[in-house]
């Protein structure tokens, strides 16, 4: 009897609770993410602001992340003045409370990034495919080149590298210039 009750409770919880769209994320390939994105940009995180906003009666925190853009690989046409991208990312810290959302990245002031965004409105975008819509730019101490890493600082996956037409057997970092060039090409395919 308790097993049936547990199954019924879990079913009600899963079906009866309104879940945000990002809670049901399907991992997409890099070319699919590029095609979904309205904007692909490389730049520096210059500010963050967290706030609370209810979502279907559930308390939610969001963080607006502003990125000063150095280069657009997609969607930067017509940018007047200094170009910025503002991302709305689920999770954040409001007062003394912190909310983290699995599969959503965090950002650090001064961090160098490449982001794939989908416009929510004229002012804000969301990340395409959560954590997979953010890449870190890290300076290689030997070559002095900026290299692209995953959001968690790991080399790019073999799957992503193959999508970039870079035949490799092991994950590795990729020079930022080559990465952005390939994203531009994918955006126009």
C-alpha atoms as a PDB file:
ATOM      1  CA  UNK A   1       0.000   0.000   0.000  1.00  0.00           C
ATOM      2  CA  UNK A   2       2.758   2.501   0.832  1.00  0.00           C
ATOM      3  CA  UNK A   3       4.474   1.741  -2.486  1.00  0.00           C
ATOM      4  CA  UNK A   4       1.276   2.622  -4.401  1.00  0.00           C
ATOM      5  CA  UNK A   5       0.880   5.777  -2.348  1.00  0.00           C
ATOM      6  CA  UNK A   6       4.472   6.781  -3.085  1.00  0.00           C
ATOM      7  CA  UNK A   7       3.989   6.193  -6.824  1.00  0.00           C
ATOM      8  CA  UNK A   8       0.736   8.164  -6.791  1.00  0.00           C
ATOM      9  CA  UNK A   9       2.393  11.016  -4.870  1.00  0.00           C
ATOM     10  CA  UNK A  10       5.355  11.134  -7.279  1.00  0.00           C
ATOM     11  CA  UNK A  11       3.035  11.058 -10.290  1.00  0.00           C
ATOM     12  CA  UNK A  12       0.974  13.924  -8.873  1.00  0.00           C
ATOM     13  CA  UNK A  13       4.121  15.858  -8.068  1.00  0.00           C
ATOM     14  CA  UNK A  14       5.571  15.406 -11.553  1.00  0.00           C
ATOM     15  CA  UNK A  15       2.377  15.991 -13.520  1.00  0.00           C
ATOM     16  CA  UNK A  16       0.569  18.421 -11.243  1.00  0.00           C
ATOM     17  CA  UNK A  17       3.392  20.878 -10.601  1.00  0.00           C
ATOM     18  CA  UNK A  18       4.009  23.554 -13.230  1.00  0.00           C
ATOM     19  CA  UNK A  19       7.633  23.223 -14.265  1.00  0.00           C
ATOM     20  CA  UNK A  20       9.617  25.981 -15.951  1.00  0.00           C
ATOM     21  CA  UNK A  21      10.557  25.161 -19.553  1.00  0.00           C
ATOM     22  CA  UNK A  22      14.248  24.900 -18.655  1.00  0.00           C
ATOM     23  CA  UNK A  23      13.456  22.125 -16.173  1.00  0.00           C
ATOM     24  CA  UNK A  24      12.790  19.806 -19.110  1.00  0.00           C
ATOM     25  CA  UNK A  25      15.972  20.369 -21.095  1.00  0.00           C
ATOM     26  CA  UNK A  26      17.024  18.139 -23.967  1.00  0.00           C
ATOM     27  CA  UNK A  27      20.703  18.399 -24.845  1.00  0.00           C
ATOM     28  CA  UNK A  28      21.181  19.632 -28.394  1.00  0.00           C
ATOM     29  CA  UNK A  29      24.217  19.411 -30.650  1.00  0.00           C
ATOM     30  CA  UNK A  30      26.378  22.474 -31.138  1.00  0.00           C
ATOM     31  CA  UNK A  31      25.025  23.091 -34.684  1.00  0.00           C
ATOM     32  CA  UNK A  32      21.450  22.874 -33.320  1.00  0.00           C
ATOM     33  CA  UNK A  33      22.304  25.336 -30.544  1.00  0.00           C
ATOM     34  CA  UNK A  34      23.879  27.729 -33.081  1.00  0.00           C
ATOM     35  CA  UNK A  35      20.765  27.574 -35.282  1.00  0.00           C
ATOM     36  CA  UNK A  36      18.455  28.232 -32.297  1.00  0.00           C
ATOM     37  CA  UNK A  37      20.511  31.186 -31.075  1.00  0.00           C
ATOM     38  CA  UNK A  38      19.539  34.727 -32.076  1.00  0.00           C
ATOM     39  CA  UNK A  39      22.822  36.058 -30.748  1.00  0.00           C
ATOM     40  CA  UNK A  40      26.282  34.537 -30.349  1.00  0.00           C
ATOM     41  CA  UNK A  41      28.788  36.817 -28.676  1.00  0.00           C
ATOM     42  CA  UNK A  42      32.235  36.826 -27.090  1.00  0.00           C
ATOM     43  CA  UNK A  43      33.013  39.316 -24.354  1.00  0.00           C
ATOM     44  CA  UNK A  44      33.510  40.139 -20.691  1.00  0.00           C
ATOM     45  CA  UNK A  45      30.980  39.948 -17.850  1.00  0.00           C
ATOM     46  CA  UNK A  46      30.695  43.541 -16.591  1.00  0.00           C
ATOM     47  CA  UNK A  47      27.740  43.333 -14.198  1.00  0.00           C
ATOM     48  CA  UNK A  48      25.203  41.054 -12.547  1.00  0.00           C
ATOM     49  CA  UNK A  49      21.939  41.777 -10.763  1.00  0.00           C
ATOM     50  CA  UNK A  50      19.782  39.156  -9.058  1.00  0.00           C
ATOM     51  CA  UNK A  51      16.100  39.607  -8.296  1.00  0.00           C
ATOM     52  CA  UNK A  52      13.052  37.611  -7.219  1.00  0.00           C
ATOM     53  CA  UNK A  53      10.132  37.079  -9.577  1.00  0.00           C
ATOM     54  CA  UNK A  54       7.325  34.553  -9.014  1.00  0.00           C
ATOM     55  CA  UNK A  55       6.827  31.907 -11.697  1.00  0.00           C
ATOM     56  CA  UNK A  56       3.363  30.283 -11.627  1.00  0.00           C
ATOM     57  CA  UNK A  57       3.173  30.838  -7.889  1.00  0.00           C
ATOM     58  CA  UNK A  58       6.684  29.473  -7.235  1.00  0.00           C
ATOM     59  CA  UNK A  59       9.375  31.713  -5.766  1.00  0.00           C
ATOM     60  CA  UNK A  60      12.131  32.107  -8.366  1.00  0.00           C
ATOM     61  CA  UNK A  61      15.387  34.045  -8.433  1.00  0.00           C
ATOM     62  CA  UNK A  62      16.893  35.281 -11.682  1.00  0.00           C
ATOM     63  CA  UNK A  63      20.181  36.969 -12.451  1.00  0.00           C
ATOM     64  CA  UNK A  64      20.647  39.478 -15.224  1.00  0.00           C
ATOM     65  CA  UNK A  65      24.188  39.165 -16.557  1.00  0.00           C
ATOM     66  CA  UNK A  66      25.546  41.993 -18.721  1.00  0.00           C
ATOM     67  CA  UNK A  67      28.330  41.123 -21.145  1.00  0.00           C
ATOM     68  CA  UNK A  68      30.429  43.776 -22.900  1.00  0.00           C
ATOM     69  CA  UNK A  69      30.797  42.279 -26.384  1.00  0.00           C
ATOM     70  CA  UNK A  70      34.107  42.174 -28.263  1.00  0.00           C
ATOM     71  CA  UNK A  71      32.827  40.136 -31.186  1.00  0.00           C
ATOM     72  CA  UNK A  72      29.511  38.860 -32.487  1.00  0.00           C
ATOM     73  CA  UNK A  73      29.400  35.583 -34.380  1.00  0.00           C
ATOM     74  CA  UNK A  74      25.641  36.008 -34.925  1.00  0.00           C
ATOM     75  CA  UNK A  75      23.005  38.677 -34.340  1.00  0.00           C
ATOM     76  CA  UNK A  76      25.160  41.739 -33.769  1.00  0.00           C
ATOM     77  CA  UNK A  77      24.096  43.774 -36.797  1.00  0.00           C
ATOM     78  CA  UNK A  78      22.925  47.279 -36.031  1.00  0.00           C
ATOM     79  CA  UNK A  79      24.491  47.535 -32.566  1.00  0.00           C
ATOM     80  CA  UNK A  80      24.841  51.268 -31.792  1.00  0.00           C
ATOM     81  CA  UNK A  81      27.513  52.373 -29.342  1.00  0.00           C
ATOM     82  CA  UNK A  82      29.231  49.902 -27.042  1.00  0.00           C
ATOM     83  CA  UNK A  83      27.646  46.524 -27.685  1.00  0.00           C
ATOM     84  CA  UNK A  84      26.279  44.560 -24.748  1.00  0.00           C
ATOM     85  CA  UNK A  85      24.227  41.408 -24.305  1.00  0.00           C
ATOM     86  CA  UNK A  86      21.993  40.991 -21.251  1.00  0.00           C
ATOM     87  CA  UNK A  87      21.190  37.413 -20.270  1.00  0.00           C
ATOM     88  CA  UNK A  88      18.426  36.377 -17.892  1.00  0.00           C
ATOM     89  CA  UNK A  89      19.657  33.275 -16.056  1.00  0.00           C
ATOM     90  CA  UNK A  90      17.519  31.295 -13.567  1.00  0.00           C
ATOM     91  CA  UNK A  91      19.060  31.305 -10.077  1.00  0.00           C
ATOM     92  CA  UNK A  92      20.940  33.886  -8.069  1.00  0.00           C
ATOM     93  CA  UNK A  93      21.382  35.488  -4.665  1.00  0.00           C
ATOM     94  CA  UNK A  94      18.836  37.912  -3.232  1.00  0.00           C
ATOM     95  CA  UNK A  95      19.731  39.233   0.196  1.00  0.00           C
ATOM     96  CA  UNK A  96      20.998  36.263   2.192  1.00  0.00           C
ATOM     97  CA  UNK A  97      19.135  33.658   0.139  1.00  0.00           C
ATOM     98  CA  UNK A  98      20.680  31.800  -2.764  1.00  0.00           C
ATOM     99  CA  UNK A  99      18.923  29.710  -5.388  1.00  0.00           C
ATOM    100  CA  UNK A 100      20.864  27.477  -7.756  1.00  0.00           C
ATOM    101  CA  UNK A 101      19.315  25.789 -10.766  1.00  0.00           C
ATOM    102  CA  UNK A 102      20.844  22.598 -12.112  1.00  0.00           C
ATOM    103  CA  UNK A 103      22.172  22.843 -15.650  1.00  0.00           C
ATOM    104  CA  UNK A 104      22.329  26.639 -15.425  1.00  0.00           C
ATOM    105  CA  UNK A 105      25.741  28.263 -15.302  1.00  0.00           C
ATOM    106  CA  UNK A 106      26.915  31.002 -13.018  1.00  0.00           C
ATOM    107  CA  UNK A 107      28.977  33.978 -14.137  1.00  0.00           C
ATOM    108  CA  UNK A 108      31.812  35.888 -12.474  1.00  0.00           C
ATOM    109  CA  UNK A 109      32.560  39.601 -12.772  1.00  0.00           C
ATOM    110  CA  UNK A 110      35.403  40.018 -15.302  1.00  0.00           C
ATOM    111  CA  UNK A 111      34.964  36.500 -16.682  1.00  0.00           C
ATOM    112  CA  UNK A 112      35.583  36.135 -20.428  1.00  0.00           C
ATOM    113  CA  UNK A 113      32.848  34.127 -22.169  1.00  0.00           C
ATOM    114  CA  UNK A 114      31.188  33.091 -25.406  1.00  0.00           C
ATOM    115  CA  UNK A 115      27.409  32.872 -25.072  1.00  0.00           C
ATOM    116  CA  UNK A 116      24.632  31.560 -27.296  1.00  0.00           C
ATOM    117  CA  UNK A 117      21.441  33.470 -26.546  1.00  0.00           C
ATOM    118  CA  UNK A 118      17.792  33.339 -27.575  1.00  0.00           C
ATOM    119  CA  UNK A 119      15.997  36.680 -27.332  1.00  0.00           C
ATOM    120  CA  UNK A 120      13.233  36.936 -24.725  1.00  0.00           C
ATOM    121  CA  UNK A 121      12.489  40.542 -25.732  1.00  0.00           C
ATOM    122  CA  UNK A 122      14.350  43.562 -27.120  1.00  0.00           C
ATOM    123  CA  UNK A 123      16.470  43.924 -23.962  1.00  0.00           C
ATOM    124  CA  UNK A 124      17.154  40.390 -22.724  1.00  0.00           C
ATOM    125  CA  UNK A 125      18.084  36.928 -23.928  1.00  0.00           C
ATOM    126  CA  UNK A 126      18.231  33.532 -22.287  1.00  0.00           C
ATOM    127  CA  UNK A 127      20.969  30.957 -22.760  1.00  0.00           C
ATOM    128  CA  UNK A 128      20.357  28.344 -25.430  1.00  0.00           C
ATOM    129  CA  UNK A 129      20.383  24.894 -23.798  1.00  0.00           C
ATOM    130  CA  UNK A 130      21.333  26.155 -20.337  1.00  0.00           C
ATOM    131  CA  UNK A 131      24.915  25.437 -19.317  1.00  0.00           C
ATOM    132  CA  UNK A 132      25.693  24.333 -22.886  1.00  0.00           C
ATOM    133  CA  UNK A 133      25.043  27.896 -24.090  1.00  0.00           C
ATOM    134  CA  UNK A 134      28.062  29.266 -22.218  1.00  0.00           C
ATOM    135  CA  UNK A 135      31.753  28.733 -22.949  1.00  0.00           C
ATOM    136  CA  UNK A 136      34.675  30.140 -20.966  1.00  0.00           C
ATOM    137  CA  UNK A 137      37.592  31.938 -22.585  1.00  0.00           C
ATOM    138  CA  UNK A 138      40.861  31.165 -20.817  1.00  0.00           C
ATOM    139  CA  UNK A 139      44.301  32.509 -21.744  1.00  0.00           C
ATOM    140  CA  UNK A 140      46.796  29.720 -22.429  1.00  0.00           C
ATOM    141  CA  UNK A 141      49.982  30.503 -20.462  1.00  0.00           C
ATOM    142  CA  UNK A 142      52.273  29.042 -23.137  1.00  0.00           C
ATOM    143  CA  UNK A 143      50.773  30.294 -26.401  1.00  0.00           C
ATOM    144  CA  UNK A 144      49.154  33.408 -24.831  1.00  0.00           C
ATOM    145  CA  UNK A 145      46.072  32.680 -26.984  1.00  0.00           C
ATOM    146  CA  UNK A 146      42.536  32.772 -25.620  1.00  0.00           C
ATOM    147  CA  UNK A 147      41.209  29.229 -25.622  1.00  0.00           C
ATOM    148  CA  UNK A 148      37.587  28.072 -25.461  1.00  0.00           C
ATOM    149  CA  UNK A 149      36.630  25.711 -22.652  1.00  0.00           C
ATOM    150  CA  UNK A 150      33.301  24.361 -21.431  1.00  0.00           C
ATOM    151  CA  UNK A 151      31.359  26.309 -18.818  1.00  0.00           C
ATOM    152  CA  UNK A 152      32.965  24.211 -16.078  1.00  0.00           C
ATOM    153  CA  UNK A 153      36.489  24.792 -17.386  1.00  0.00           C
ATOM    154  CA  UNK A 154      36.887  21.465 -19.142  1.00  0.00           C
ATOM    155  CA  UNK A 155      38.120  20.977 -22.715  1.00  0.00           C
ATOM    156  CA  UNK A 156      35.400  20.930 -25.364  1.00  0.00           C
ATOM    157  CA  UNK A 157      33.745  17.564 -25.872  1.00  0.00           C
ATOM    158  CA  UNK A 158      34.661  15.313 -28.781  1.00  0.00           C
ATOM    159  CA  UNK A 159      31.056  15.738 -30.025  1.00  0.00           C
ATOM    160  CA  UNK A 160      31.377  19.537 -30.105  1.00  0.00           C
ATOM    161  CA  UNK A 161      34.815  19.342 -31.730  1.00  0.00           C
ATOM    162  CA  UNK A 162      33.503  17.030 -34.442  1.00  0.00           C
ATOM    163  CA  UNK A 163      30.614  19.448 -35.054  1.00  0.00           C
ATOM    164  CA  UNK A 164      33.283  22.099 -35.626  1.00  0.00           C
ATOM    165  CA  UNK A 165      34.901  19.748 -38.192  1.00  0.00           C
ATOM    166  CA  UNK A 166      37.973  19.346 -36.017  1.00  0.00           C
ATOM    167  CA  UNK A 167      38.795  15.626 -36.122  1.00  0.00           C
ATOM    168  CA  UNK A 168      40.139  14.672 -32.725  1.00  0.00           C
ATOM    169  CA  UNK A 169      40.120  11.650 -30.477  1.00  0.00           C
ATOM    170  CA  UNK A 170      40.170  13.423 -27.107  1.00  0.00           C
ATOM    171  CA  UNK A 171      38.504  16.547 -25.695  1.00  0.00           C
ATOM    172  CA  UNK A 172      40.619  19.693 -26.002  1.00  0.00           C
ATOM    173  CA  UNK A 173      40.579  23.469 -25.797  1.00  0.00           C
ATOM    174  CA  UNK A 174      40.218  25.364 -29.071  1.00  0.00           C
ATOM    175  CA  UNK A 175      41.598  28.832 -29.955  1.00  0.00           C
ATOM    176  CA  UNK A 176      38.819  31.410 -29.540  1.00  0.00           C
ATOM    177  CA  UNK A 177      39.297  32.921 -33.004  1.00  0.00           C
ATOM    178  CA  UNK A 178      38.896  29.562 -34.766  1.00  0.00           C
ATOM    179  CA  UNK A 179      35.905  28.674 -32.567  1.00  0.00           C
ATOM    180  CA  UNK A 180      34.074  31.934 -33.295  1.00  0.00           C
ATOM    181  CA  UNK A 181      34.852  31.678 -37.008  1.00  0.00           C
ATOM    182  CA  UNK A 182      33.353  28.198 -37.108  1.00  0.00           C
ATOM    183  CA  UNK A 183      30.259  29.364 -35.174  1.00  0.00           C
ATOM    184  CA  UNK A 184      29.797  32.143 -37.772  1.00  0.00           C
ATOM    185  CA  UNK A 185      29.989  29.537 -40.537  1.00  0.00           C
ATOM    186  CA  UNK A 186      27.502  27.262 -38.751  1.00  0.00           C
ATOM    187  CA  UNK A 187      25.131  30.209 -38.294  1.00  0.00           C
ATOM    188  CA  UNK A 188      25.016  30.735 -42.061  1.00  0.00           C
ATOM    189  CA  UNK A 189      24.642  27.082 -43.106  1.00  0.00           C
END
